[in-house]
Each structure stands twice: as structure tokens, then as C-alpha cells.
Protein backbone atom coordinates (compact mmCIF):
# COMPACT_ATOMS: atom_id res chain seq x y z
CA UNK A 1 8.68 -48.10 -67.28
CA UNK A 2 8.68 -50.68 -64.49
CA UNK A 3 10.44 -48.31 -62.12
CA UNK A 4 7.94 -45.51 -62.77
CA UNK A 5 5.05 -47.91 -62.21
CA UNK A 6 6.67 -49.18 -59.02
CA UNK A 7 7.15 -45.63 -57.73
CA UNK A 8 3.57 -44.72 -58.59
CA UNK A 9 2.18 -47.82 -56.87
CA UNK A 10 4.35 -47.20 -53.82
CA UNK A 11 3.04 -43.63 -53.49
CA UNK A 12 -0.51 -44.83 -54.16
CA UNK A 13 -0.26 -47.48 -51.43
CA UNK A 14 1.16 -44.95 -48.95
CA UNK A 15 -1.73 -42.64 -49.70
CA UNK A 16 -4.09 -45.59 -49.29
CA UNK A 17 -2.55 -46.39 -45.91
CA UNK A 18 -3.30 -42.83 -44.75
CA UNK A 19 -6.86 -43.16 -46.03
CA UNK A 20 -7.29 -46.44 -44.17
CA UNK A 21 -5.97 -44.81 -40.99
CA UNK A 22 -8.53 -42.01 -41.30
CA UNK A 23 -11.20 -44.63 -42.04
CA UNK A 24 -10.35 -46.42 -38.78
CA UNK A 25 -10.71 -43.18 -36.82
CA UNK A 26 -14.01 -42.49 -38.60
CA UNK A 27 -15.25 -45.95 -37.61
CA UNK A 28 -14.48 -45.33 -33.95
CA UNK A 29 -16.15 -41.92 -34.05
CA UNK A 30 -19.28 -43.42 -35.62
CA UNK A 31 -19.45 -46.22 -33.04
CA UNK A 32 -19.69 -43.90 -30.03
CA UNK A 33 -23.20 -42.54 -30.79
CA UNK A 34 -24.47 -46.06 -31.43
CA UNK A 35 -23.25 -47.28 -28.06
CA UNK A 36 -24.62 -44.18 -26.35
CA UNK A 37 -27.99 -44.76 -28.03
CA UNK A 38 -28.11 -48.31 -26.68
CA UNK A 39 -27.30 -46.96 -23.22
CA UNK A 40 -30.00 -44.26 -23.43
CA UNK A 41 -32.60 -46.78 -24.62
CA UNK A 42 -32.01 -48.82 -21.48
CA UNK A 43 -30.49 -51.78 -23.31
CA UNK A 44 -33.78 -53.06 -24.77
CA UNK A 45 -33.55 -55.91 -27.25
CA UNK A 46 -34.60 -53.67 -30.14
CA UNK A 47 -31.94 -51.07 -29.26
CA UNK A 48 -29.31 -53.77 -28.98
CA UNK A 49 -30.34 -55.28 -32.35
CA UNK A 50 -30.26 -51.90 -34.10
CA UNK A 51 -26.92 -51.17 -32.45
CA UNK A 52 -25.45 -54.48 -33.62
CA UNK A 53 -26.65 -53.84 -37.17
CA UNK A 54 -25.22 -50.31 -37.12
CA UNK A 55 -21.89 -51.46 -35.72
CA UNK A 56 -21.72 -54.27 -38.29
CA UNK A 57 -22.22 -51.73 -41.07
CA UNK A 58 -19.50 -49.51 -39.63
CA UNK A 59 -17.17 -52.52 -39.29
CA UNK A 60 -17.76 -53.50 -42.91
CA UNK A 61 -16.98 -49.98 -44.07
CA UNK A 62 -13.66 -50.21 -42.24
CA UNK A 63 -12.71 -53.84 -43.00
CA UNK A 64 -13.60 -54.00 -46.70
CA UNK A 65 -11.07 -51.27 -47.69
CA UNK A 66 -8.36 -53.12 -45.74
CA UNK A 67 -9.04 -56.33 -47.65
CA UNK A 68 -9.18 -54.46 -50.96
CA UNK A 69 -5.84 -52.76 -50.25
CA UNK A 70 -4.16 -56.09 -49.49
CA UNK A 71 -5.52 -57.66 -52.68
CA UNK A 72 -4.37 -54.65 -54.73
CA UNK A 73 -0.89 -54.88 -53.23
CA UNK A 74 -0.63 -58.61 -54.02
CA UNK A 75 -1.84 -57.96 -57.58
CA UNK A 76 0.69 -55.15 -58.05
CA UNK A 77 3.54 -57.28 -56.72
CA UNK A 78 2.56 -60.17 -59.00
CA UNK A 79 2.54 -57.84 -62.03
CA UNK A 80 5.86 -56.15 -61.18
CA UNK A 81 7.94 -59.28 -60.46
CA UNK A 82 7.76 -60.69 -64.04
CA UNK A 83 8.55 -57.23 -65.44
CA UNK A 84 11.58 -56.90 -63.16
CA UNK A 85 12.79 -60.40 -64.04
CA UNK A 86 12.48 -59.66 -67.76
CA UNK A 87 14.34 -56.36 -67.36
CA UNK A 88 17.16 -58.03 -65.41
CA UNK A 89 17.66 -60.72 -68.05
């Protein structure tokens, strides 16, 4: 049972890594129009403020999944180690 769970979590984390990679690319693609909009607006304070808020939202949508993936991996490792130790004994 522990081996099947380990295999499933390994495949799930690899799939998650691919999703995070695509999320990073999506974040960069979304940042370009924001920066271009600031440039087109002439760099006014309002355009810069809106740009900062937009970029912060994009950054959060990229960073939060990274943090969640790390926490999930630590949780999975903590759950699997006692099961492996019990199986070995």
C-alpha cells in the first residue's frame, strides 16, 4: 500500500511540476501587456500604480502554487516515512 501511494504521489508531483512550469510561462505572458500599458500611458503615477497591482496579482498566482506544492511534498514525505519504517520493522 505504501509503495502504491508513493508511486501515485511521485507521479502527482511530477504532473504538478509541469503545471507550475506552465504557470510560470503564463505569468510572464500576462506581465508583458501590463508593462506595455504603463509605457503607453506615459508612466503616469496612476498607470504605474495599476501596473504594480496587476503585477502583484500575477506574482501571487505564480508564487502561491509553488508554496502549496512544497507544503504538500513535505506533508507527503512526513506521512510516508512512518509507514516505511513500520513496514521495514
